[in-house]
Amino acid sequence: MAFGRLEHGKGSEPMSDINVTPLVDVMLVLVVIFIITAPLLASSIRLDLPKTDAAKPGDPPKFVTVVVNKDGQAFFNDRPVTQAELGSALQDAARANPETEVQLRADQGVPYGRVVEVMGEAQKAGLNRIGFVADAPAADAPATGASR
């Protein structure tokens, strides 16, 4: 050790890590700003829309009901029909309104082929909106395949 000389250890080295705390603070402030301003940007604009008879929001959707019982008998709006009568009734419904929906109700025991025949009649008539109607399962019935 030399006289008058102090030993110096390594001085402070430059920091090589990025301090992300200020970045996180800025991002959180931006998120809060966006959360506050988003509802203001989506506010409804007051308009005086023109009036027309073409678009009525209160009009219920048009539909016809086709039922196939377990014997394969078809019913059009609760009236028994043959296959030919079903086709003509569906064509009449399509002529009246091409956007008519067919609500198809089929018994569980009806063969798949019979259901496809009824769907084919509806599609031949020009009715492509077909809805299948089913019952919800009973709340007290156990789920199929579930073990207790």
N, C-alpha and C. Protein backbone atom coordinates (compact mmCIF):
# COMPACT_ATOMS: atom_id res chain seq x y z
N MET A 1 0.82 -1.16 0.00
CA MET A 1 0.00 0.00 0.00
C MET A 1 0.88 1.25 0.00
N ALA A 2 0.55 2.10 -0.86
CA ALA A 2 1.37 3.31 -1.00
C ALA A 2 0.83 4.41 -0.11
N PHE A 3 1.75 5.26 0.27
CA PHE A 3 1.39 6.33 1.17
C PHE A 3 0.50 7.35 0.47
N GLY A 4 -0.61 7.76 1.13
CA GLY A 4 -1.50 8.77 0.58
C GLY A 4 -2.42 8.27 -0.52
N ARG A 5 -2.37 7.07 -0.72
CA ARG A 5 -3.18 6.53 -1.80
C ARG A 5 -4.23 5.59 -1.22
N LEU A 6 -5.44 5.80 -1.63
CA LEU A 6 -6.51 4.93 -1.16
C LEU A 6 -6.82 3.92 -2.24
N GLU A 7 -7.14 2.78 -1.81
CA GLU A 7 -7.49 1.78 -2.80
C GLU A 7 -8.95 1.97 -3.19
N HIS A 8 -9.11 1.93 -4.45
CA HIS A 8 -10.47 2.05 -4.96
C HIS A 8 -10.93 0.70 -5.46
N GLY A 9 -12.11 0.33 -5.07
CA GLY A 9 -12.70 -0.87 -5.62
C GLY A 9 -13.31 -0.54 -6.98
N LYS A 10 -13.93 -1.50 -7.55
CA LYS A 10 -14.57 -1.21 -8.84
C LYS A 10 -15.64 -0.16 -8.63
N GLY A 11 -15.69 0.80 -9.50
CA GLY A 11 -16.70 1.84 -9.42
C GLY A 11 -18.05 1.28 -9.89
N SER A 12 -19.03 2.13 -9.86
CA SER A 12 -20.35 1.67 -10.28
C SER A 12 -20.35 1.40 -11.78
N GLU A 13 -20.85 0.25 -12.12
CA GLU A 13 -20.87 -0.14 -13.53
C GLU A 13 -22.18 0.33 -14.16
N PRO A 14 -22.18 0.52 -15.47
CA PRO A 14 -23.42 0.91 -16.12
C PRO A 14 -24.47 -0.21 -15.99
N MET A 15 -25.73 0.20 -15.87
CA MET A 15 -26.81 -0.75 -15.68
C MET A 15 -27.21 -1.31 -17.05
N SER A 16 -27.23 -2.60 -17.17
CA SER A 16 -27.55 -3.20 -18.47
C SER A 16 -28.99 -3.72 -18.53
N ASP A 17 -29.73 -3.72 -17.42
CA ASP A 17 -31.13 -4.16 -17.42
C ASP A 17 -32.04 -2.96 -17.67
N ILE A 18 -33.20 -3.26 -18.32
CA ILE A 18 -34.18 -2.22 -18.58
C ILE A 18 -35.10 -2.13 -17.37
N ASN A 19 -35.33 -0.93 -16.92
CA ASN A 19 -36.24 -0.72 -15.80
C ASN A 19 -37.65 -0.63 -16.39
N VAL A 20 -38.47 -1.66 -16.15
CA VAL A 20 -39.79 -1.71 -16.75
C VAL A 20 -40.88 -1.08 -15.88
N THR A 21 -40.55 -0.67 -14.69
CA THR A 21 -41.55 -0.08 -13.81
C THR A 21 -42.19 1.17 -14.41
N PRO A 22 -41.42 2.12 -14.95
CA PRO A 22 -42.07 3.28 -15.58
C PRO A 22 -42.92 2.90 -16.78
N LEU A 23 -42.49 1.90 -17.53
CA LEU A 23 -43.26 1.43 -18.69
C LEU A 23 -44.60 0.87 -18.25
N VAL A 24 -44.60 0.07 -17.20
CA VAL A 24 -45.84 -0.51 -16.68
C VAL A 24 -46.75 0.59 -16.15
N ASP A 25 -46.19 1.57 -15.47
CA ASP A 25 -47.00 2.68 -14.97
C ASP A 25 -47.69 3.43 -16.10
N VAL A 26 -46.96 3.72 -17.16
CA VAL A 26 -47.52 4.43 -18.30
C VAL A 26 -48.60 3.59 -18.97
N MET A 27 -48.38 2.31 -19.11
CA MET A 27 -49.37 1.43 -19.76
C MET A 27 -50.65 1.35 -18.93
N LEU A 28 -50.53 1.27 -17.62
CA LEU A 28 -51.72 1.22 -16.77
C LEU A 28 -52.51 2.52 -16.85
N VAL A 29 -51.82 3.65 -16.92
CA VAL A 29 -52.52 4.92 -17.07
C VAL A 29 -53.26 4.96 -18.40
N LEU A 30 -52.63 4.47 -19.47
CA LEU A 30 -53.29 4.43 -20.78
C LEU A 30 -54.51 3.52 -20.76
N VAL A 31 -54.42 2.38 -20.09
CA VAL A 31 -55.56 1.47 -20.00
C VAL A 31 -56.72 2.15 -19.29
N VAL A 32 -56.44 2.85 -18.20
CA VAL A 32 -57.49 3.55 -17.47
C VAL A 32 -58.12 4.62 -18.36
N ILE A 33 -57.32 5.34 -19.11
CA ILE A 33 -57.85 6.37 -20.01
C ILE A 33 -58.76 5.74 -21.06
N PHE A 34 -58.34 4.62 -21.64
CA PHE A 34 -59.16 3.96 -22.65
C PHE A 34 -60.46 3.42 -22.05
N ILE A 35 -60.39 2.89 -20.84
CA ILE A 35 -61.60 2.38 -20.19
C ILE A 35 -62.61 3.50 -19.94
N ILE A 36 -62.10 4.66 -19.57
CA ILE A 36 -63.00 5.79 -19.30
C ILE A 36 -63.57 6.38 -20.58
N THR A 37 -62.76 6.47 -21.63
CA THR A 37 -63.22 7.14 -22.86
C THR A 37 -63.99 6.23 -23.81
N ALA A 38 -63.86 4.91 -23.69
CA ALA A 38 -64.54 4.00 -24.63
C ALA A 38 -66.06 4.15 -24.60
N PRO A 39 -66.71 4.22 -23.46
CA PRO A 39 -68.17 4.41 -23.49
C PRO A 39 -68.58 5.75 -24.11
N LEU A 40 -67.74 6.75 -23.99
CA LEU A 40 -68.07 8.04 -24.58
C LEU A 40 -68.01 7.99 -26.10
N LEU A 41 -67.10 7.16 -26.63
CA LEU A 41 -66.99 7.05 -28.09
C LEU A 41 -68.14 6.24 -28.68
N ALA A 42 -68.71 5.35 -27.89
CA ALA A 42 -69.78 4.48 -28.38
C ALA A 42 -71.17 5.05 -28.10
N SER A 43 -71.26 6.29 -27.74
CA SER A 43 -72.56 6.87 -27.44
C SER A 43 -73.42 6.90 -28.70
N SER A 44 -74.71 6.79 -28.50
CA SER A 44 -75.63 6.74 -29.64
C SER A 44 -75.76 8.11 -30.25
N ILE A 45 -75.88 8.12 -31.54
CA ILE A 45 -76.04 9.36 -32.30
C ILE A 45 -77.52 9.53 -32.57
N ARG A 46 -78.05 10.68 -32.28
CA ARG A 46 -79.46 10.95 -32.50
C ARG A 46 -79.71 11.23 -33.97
N LEU A 47 -80.60 10.45 -34.56
CA LEU A 47 -80.94 10.61 -35.97
C LEU A 47 -82.45 10.70 -36.13
N ASP A 48 -82.87 11.40 -37.15
CA ASP A 48 -84.27 11.42 -37.52
C ASP A 48 -84.37 10.59 -38.81
N LEU A 49 -84.66 9.29 -38.64
CA LEU A 49 -84.66 8.37 -39.77
C LEU A 49 -85.92 8.53 -40.61
N PRO A 50 -85.81 8.29 -41.91
CA PRO A 50 -86.99 8.36 -42.76
C PRO A 50 -87.95 7.22 -42.45
N LYS A 51 -89.22 7.42 -42.76
CA LYS A 51 -90.26 6.43 -42.47
C LYS A 51 -90.55 5.61 -43.73
N THR A 52 -90.75 4.29 -43.53
CA THR A 52 -91.10 3.39 -44.63
C THR A 52 -91.91 2.23 -44.08
N ASP A 53 -92.76 1.67 -44.93
CA ASP A 53 -93.55 0.51 -44.53
C ASP A 53 -92.80 -0.79 -44.75
N ALA A 54 -91.69 -0.74 -45.48
CA ALA A 54 -90.96 -1.96 -45.83
C ALA A 54 -90.31 -2.60 -44.61
N ALA A 55 -89.76 -1.82 -43.74
CA ALA A 55 -89.05 -2.37 -42.58
C ALA A 55 -89.85 -2.10 -41.32
N LYS A 56 -90.50 -3.12 -40.82
CA LYS A 56 -91.26 -2.99 -39.58
C LYS A 56 -90.61 -3.90 -38.54
N PRO A 57 -90.05 -3.33 -37.49
CA PRO A 57 -89.38 -4.18 -36.50
C PRO A 57 -90.35 -5.05 -35.72
N GLY A 58 -91.63 -4.72 -35.69
CA GLY A 58 -92.59 -5.48 -34.92
C GLY A 58 -93.15 -6.69 -35.65
N ASP A 59 -92.80 -6.87 -36.94
CA ASP A 59 -93.33 -8.00 -37.69
C ASP A 59 -92.71 -9.29 -37.17
N PRO A 60 -93.55 -10.26 -36.76
CA PRO A 60 -92.99 -11.53 -36.30
C PRO A 60 -92.47 -12.32 -37.50
N PRO A 61 -91.45 -13.13 -37.30
CA PRO A 61 -90.94 -13.93 -38.41
C PRO A 61 -92.00 -14.92 -38.88
N LYS A 62 -92.10 -15.13 -40.17
CA LYS A 62 -93.07 -16.06 -40.75
C LYS A 62 -92.50 -17.48 -40.68
N PHE A 63 -93.34 -18.41 -40.28
CA PHE A 63 -92.90 -19.80 -40.25
C PHE A 63 -94.10 -20.72 -40.46
N VAL A 64 -93.80 -21.91 -40.92
CA VAL A 64 -94.79 -22.97 -41.02
C VAL A 64 -94.26 -24.14 -40.21
N THR A 65 -95.17 -24.94 -39.70
CA THR A 65 -94.78 -26.08 -38.89
C THR A 65 -95.03 -27.36 -39.67
N VAL A 66 -94.00 -28.20 -39.74
CA VAL A 66 -94.12 -29.52 -40.36
C VAL A 66 -93.78 -30.53 -39.27
N VAL A 67 -94.73 -31.44 -39.02
CA VAL A 67 -94.55 -32.45 -37.98
C VAL A 67 -94.55 -33.82 -38.65
N VAL A 68 -93.64 -34.68 -38.20
CA VAL A 68 -93.61 -36.08 -38.65
C VAL A 68 -93.73 -36.94 -37.41
N ASN A 69 -94.85 -37.71 -37.33
CA ASN A 69 -95.05 -38.55 -36.14
C ASN A 69 -94.27 -39.85 -36.28
N LYS A 70 -94.37 -40.70 -35.26
CA LYS A 70 -93.55 -41.92 -35.25
C LYS A 70 -93.93 -42.91 -36.34
N ASP A 71 -95.14 -42.76 -36.91
CA ASP A 71 -95.55 -43.62 -38.02
C ASP A 71 -95.07 -43.10 -39.37
N GLY A 72 -94.45 -41.90 -39.40
CA GLY A 72 -93.98 -41.32 -40.64
C GLY A 72 -95.00 -40.42 -41.31
N GLN A 73 -96.16 -40.22 -40.68
CA GLN A 73 -97.20 -39.35 -41.23
C GLN A 73 -96.78 -37.89 -41.08
N ALA A 74 -96.90 -37.12 -42.16
CA ALA A 74 -96.53 -35.71 -42.14
C ALA A 74 -97.77 -34.85 -41.86
N PHE A 75 -97.56 -33.78 -41.13
CA PHE A 75 -98.60 -32.81 -40.82
C PHE A 75 -98.07 -31.43 -41.19
N PHE A 76 -98.87 -30.66 -41.93
CA PHE A 76 -98.51 -29.30 -42.29
C PHE A 76 -99.42 -28.37 -41.51
N ASN A 77 -98.83 -27.59 -40.59
CA ASN A 77 -99.60 -26.72 -39.69
C ASN A 77 -100.75 -27.50 -39.02
N ASP A 78 -100.40 -28.65 -38.45
CA ASP A 78 -101.31 -29.52 -37.69
C ASP A 78 -102.40 -30.15 -38.54
N ARG A 79 -102.22 -30.18 -39.87
CA ARG A 79 -103.19 -30.81 -40.77
C ARG A 79 -102.49 -31.98 -41.47
N PRO A 80 -103.03 -33.21 -41.38
CA PRO A 80 -102.36 -34.34 -42.03
C PRO A 80 -102.35 -34.18 -43.55
N VAL A 81 -101.18 -34.45 -44.14
CA VAL A 81 -101.01 -34.30 -45.59
C VAL A 81 -100.22 -35.48 -46.13
N THR A 82 -100.43 -35.74 -47.42
CA THR A 82 -99.60 -36.73 -48.11
C THR A 82 -98.32 -36.04 -48.55
N GLN A 83 -97.40 -36.81 -49.12
CA GLN A 83 -96.13 -36.24 -49.57
C GLN A 83 -96.36 -35.20 -50.67
N ALA A 84 -97.29 -35.48 -51.60
CA ALA A 84 -97.57 -34.53 -52.68
C ALA A 84 -98.24 -33.27 -52.14
N GLU A 85 -99.17 -33.44 -51.20
CA GLU A 85 -99.84 -32.28 -50.61
C GLU A 85 -98.85 -31.43 -49.80
N LEU A 86 -97.91 -32.10 -49.16
CA LEU A 86 -96.89 -31.38 -48.40
C LEU A 86 -96.05 -30.51 -49.34
N GLY A 87 -95.65 -31.07 -50.48
CA GLY A 87 -94.87 -30.32 -51.44
C GLY A 87 -95.61 -29.09 -51.96
N SER A 88 -96.89 -29.26 -52.29
CA SER A 88 -97.65 -28.12 -52.82
C SER A 88 -97.91 -27.08 -51.72
N ALA A 89 -98.16 -27.53 -50.49
CA ALA A 89 -98.36 -26.58 -49.39
C ALA A 89 -97.09 -25.78 -49.12
N LEU A 90 -95.94 -26.44 -49.19
CA LEU A 90 -94.67 -25.73 -48.98
C LEU A 90 -94.40 -24.76 -50.13
N GLN A 91 -94.78 -25.14 -51.36
CA GLN A 91 -94.60 -24.22 -52.49
C GLN A 91 -95.51 -23.00 -52.34
N ASP A 92 -96.74 -23.20 -51.86
CA ASP A 92 -97.63 -22.07 -51.62
C ASP A 92 -97.04 -21.13 -50.56
N ALA A 93 -96.47 -21.71 -49.51
CA ALA A 93 -95.86 -20.89 -48.46
C ALA A 93 -94.65 -20.13 -49.01
N ALA A 94 -93.88 -20.77 -49.90
CA ALA A 94 -92.72 -20.11 -50.49
C ALA A 94 -93.14 -18.98 -51.42
N ARG A 95 -94.24 -19.17 -52.14
CA ARG A 95 -94.72 -18.09 -53.02
C ARG A 95 -95.21 -16.90 -52.21
N ALA A 96 -95.85 -17.17 -51.07
CA ALA A 96 -96.36 -16.10 -50.22
C ALA A 96 -95.20 -15.30 -49.61
N ASN A 97 -94.16 -16.00 -49.16
CA ASN A 97 -92.99 -15.34 -48.56
C ASN A 97 -91.80 -16.27 -48.68
N PRO A 98 -90.82 -15.94 -49.55
CA PRO A 98 -89.67 -16.83 -49.73
C PRO A 98 -88.78 -16.95 -48.49
N GLU A 99 -88.94 -16.05 -47.52
CA GLU A 99 -88.14 -16.10 -46.31
C GLU A 99 -88.82 -16.89 -45.19
N THR A 100 -89.87 -17.61 -45.52
CA THR A 100 -90.59 -18.39 -44.52
C THR A 100 -89.67 -19.48 -43.97
N GLU A 101 -89.72 -19.65 -42.66
CA GLU A 101 -88.93 -20.69 -42.00
C GLU A 101 -89.79 -21.92 -41.80
N VAL A 102 -89.22 -23.08 -42.02
CA VAL A 102 -89.90 -24.35 -41.77
C VAL A 102 -89.43 -24.85 -40.42
N GLN A 103 -90.36 -24.99 -39.48
CA GLN A 103 -90.03 -25.56 -38.18
C GLN A 103 -90.39 -27.04 -38.23
N LEU A 104 -89.37 -27.87 -38.26
CA LEU A 104 -89.55 -29.31 -38.42
C LEU A 104 -89.51 -29.99 -37.06
N ARG A 105 -90.60 -30.69 -36.74
CA ARG A 105 -90.70 -31.46 -35.51
C ARG A 105 -90.86 -32.92 -35.90
N ALA A 106 -89.92 -33.74 -35.49
CA ALA A 106 -89.98 -35.16 -35.83
C ALA A 106 -89.84 -35.99 -34.56
N ASP A 107 -90.61 -37.07 -34.49
CA ASP A 107 -90.55 -37.98 -33.36
C ASP A 107 -89.19 -38.67 -33.34
N GLN A 108 -88.73 -39.08 -32.16
CA GLN A 108 -87.45 -39.75 -32.05
C GLN A 108 -87.41 -41.05 -32.85
N GLY A 109 -88.56 -41.71 -32.98
CA GLY A 109 -88.59 -42.99 -33.66
C GLY A 109 -88.68 -42.90 -35.18
N VAL A 110 -88.75 -41.70 -35.73
CA VAL A 110 -88.86 -41.54 -37.19
C VAL A 110 -87.52 -41.87 -37.82
N PRO A 111 -87.51 -42.71 -38.87
CA PRO A 111 -86.25 -42.99 -39.55
C PRO A 111 -85.66 -41.72 -40.16
N TYR A 112 -84.35 -41.66 -40.17
CA TYR A 112 -83.63 -40.49 -40.70
C TYR A 112 -84.00 -40.21 -42.14
N GLY A 113 -84.22 -41.25 -42.90
CA GLY A 113 -84.57 -41.09 -44.31
C GLY A 113 -85.88 -40.33 -44.49
N ARG A 114 -86.83 -40.55 -43.62
CA ARG A 114 -88.12 -39.85 -43.72
C ARG A 114 -87.94 -38.36 -43.42
N VAL A 115 -87.12 -38.04 -42.46
CA VAL A 115 -86.84 -36.64 -42.14
C VAL A 115 -86.15 -35.96 -43.32
N VAL A 116 -85.24 -36.66 -43.97
CA VAL A 116 -84.54 -36.10 -45.14
C VAL A 116 -85.52 -35.88 -46.29
N GLU A 117 -86.50 -36.78 -46.46
CA GLU A 117 -87.51 -36.59 -47.51
C GLU A 117 -88.29 -35.30 -47.29
N VAL A 118 -88.69 -35.05 -46.04
CA VAL A 118 -89.44 -33.84 -45.72
C VAL A 118 -88.57 -32.61 -45.95
N MET A 119 -87.30 -32.68 -45.55
CA MET A 119 -86.38 -31.56 -45.79
C MET A 119 -86.20 -31.31 -47.28
N GLY A 120 -86.14 -32.39 -48.06
CA GLY A 120 -86.01 -32.27 -49.51
C GLY A 120 -87.21 -31.58 -50.14
N GLU A 121 -88.40 -31.90 -49.65
CA GLU A 121 -89.61 -31.24 -50.16
C GLU A 121 -89.56 -29.74 -49.88
N ALA A 122 -89.10 -29.38 -48.69
CA ALA A 122 -89.01 -27.96 -48.33
C ALA A 122 -87.98 -27.25 -49.22
N GLN A 123 -86.87 -27.89 -49.47
CA GLN A 123 -85.84 -27.27 -50.29
C GLN A 123 -86.27 -27.19 -51.76
N LYS A 124 -87.00 -28.20 -52.24
CA LYS A 124 -87.52 -28.14 -53.62
C LYS A 124 -88.52 -27.00 -53.76
N ALA A 125 -89.24 -26.70 -52.69
CA ALA A 125 -90.22 -25.62 -52.73
C ALA A 125 -89.54 -24.25 -52.66
N GLY A 126 -88.25 -24.23 -52.33
CA GLY A 126 -87.53 -22.96 -52.24
C GLY A 126 -87.40 -22.43 -50.83
N LEU A 127 -87.74 -23.25 -49.85
CA LEU A 127 -87.61 -22.85 -48.46
C LEU A 127 -86.34 -23.46 -47.88
N ASN A 128 -85.32 -22.64 -47.71
CA ASN A 128 -84.03 -23.13 -47.25
C ASN A 128 -83.79 -22.90 -45.77
N ARG A 129 -84.67 -22.17 -45.13
CA ARG A 129 -84.52 -21.94 -43.69
C ARG A 129 -85.32 -23.00 -42.95
N ILE A 130 -84.62 -24.00 -42.45
CA ILE A 130 -85.27 -25.12 -41.76
C ILE A 130 -84.74 -25.17 -40.34
N GLY A 131 -85.66 -25.12 -39.37
CA GLY A 131 -85.28 -25.21 -37.97
C GLY A 131 -85.79 -26.50 -37.37
N PHE A 132 -84.95 -27.17 -36.63
CA PHE A 132 -85.34 -28.41 -35.97
C PHE A 132 -85.77 -28.08 -34.54
N VAL A 133 -86.97 -28.53 -34.17
CA VAL A 133 -87.52 -28.24 -32.86
C VAL A 133 -87.33 -29.47 -31.98
N ALA A 134 -86.82 -29.25 -30.78
CA ALA A 134 -86.59 -30.34 -29.83
C ALA A 134 -86.98 -29.86 -28.44
N ASP A 135 -87.26 -30.81 -27.56
CA ASP A 135 -87.56 -30.49 -26.17
C ASP A 135 -86.27 -30.48 -25.37
N ALA A 136 -86.25 -29.64 -24.33
CA ALA A 136 -85.11 -29.62 -23.42
C ALA A 136 -85.18 -30.86 -22.53
N PRO A 137 -84.03 -31.41 -22.15
CA PRO A 137 -84.06 -32.58 -21.26
C PRO A 137 -84.60 -32.19 -19.89
N ALA A 138 -85.20 -33.16 -19.23
CA ALA A 138 -85.76 -32.91 -17.90
C ALA A 138 -84.64 -32.57 -16.93
N ALA A 139 -84.88 -31.65 -16.03
CA ALA A 139 -83.83 -31.19 -15.10
C ALA A 139 -83.48 -32.26 -14.07
N ASP A 140 -84.47 -33.12 -13.70
CA ASP A 140 -84.19 -34.12 -12.69
C ASP A 140 -83.63 -35.41 -13.26
N ALA A 141 -83.60 -35.56 -14.59
CA ALA A 141 -83.06 -36.78 -15.19
C ALA A 141 -81.55 -36.73 -15.16
N PRO A 142 -80.88 -37.84 -14.79
CA PRO A 142 -79.40 -37.84 -14.77
C PRO A 142 -78.86 -37.80 -16.19
N ALA A 143 -77.69 -37.23 -16.35
CA ALA A 143 -77.07 -37.14 -17.65
C ALA A 143 -76.70 -38.52 -18.14
N THR A 144 -76.77 -38.71 -19.45
CA THR A 144 -76.46 -40.01 -20.03
C THR A 144 -75.00 -40.34 -19.85
N GLY A 145 -74.70 -41.52 -19.35
CA GLY A 145 -73.32 -41.96 -19.20
C GLY A 145 -72.62 -41.40 -17.97
N ALA A 146 -73.33 -40.65 -17.16
CA ALA A 146 -72.68 -40.08 -15.96
C ALA A 146 -72.70 -41.09 -14.83
N SER A 147 -71.62 -41.15 -14.11
CA SER A 147 -71.56 -42.05 -12.96
C SER A 147 -71.68 -41.24 -11.69
N ARG A 148 -72.24 -41.88 -10.67
CA ARG A 148 -72.45 -41.15 -9.41
C ARG A 148 -71.46 -41.59 -8.39
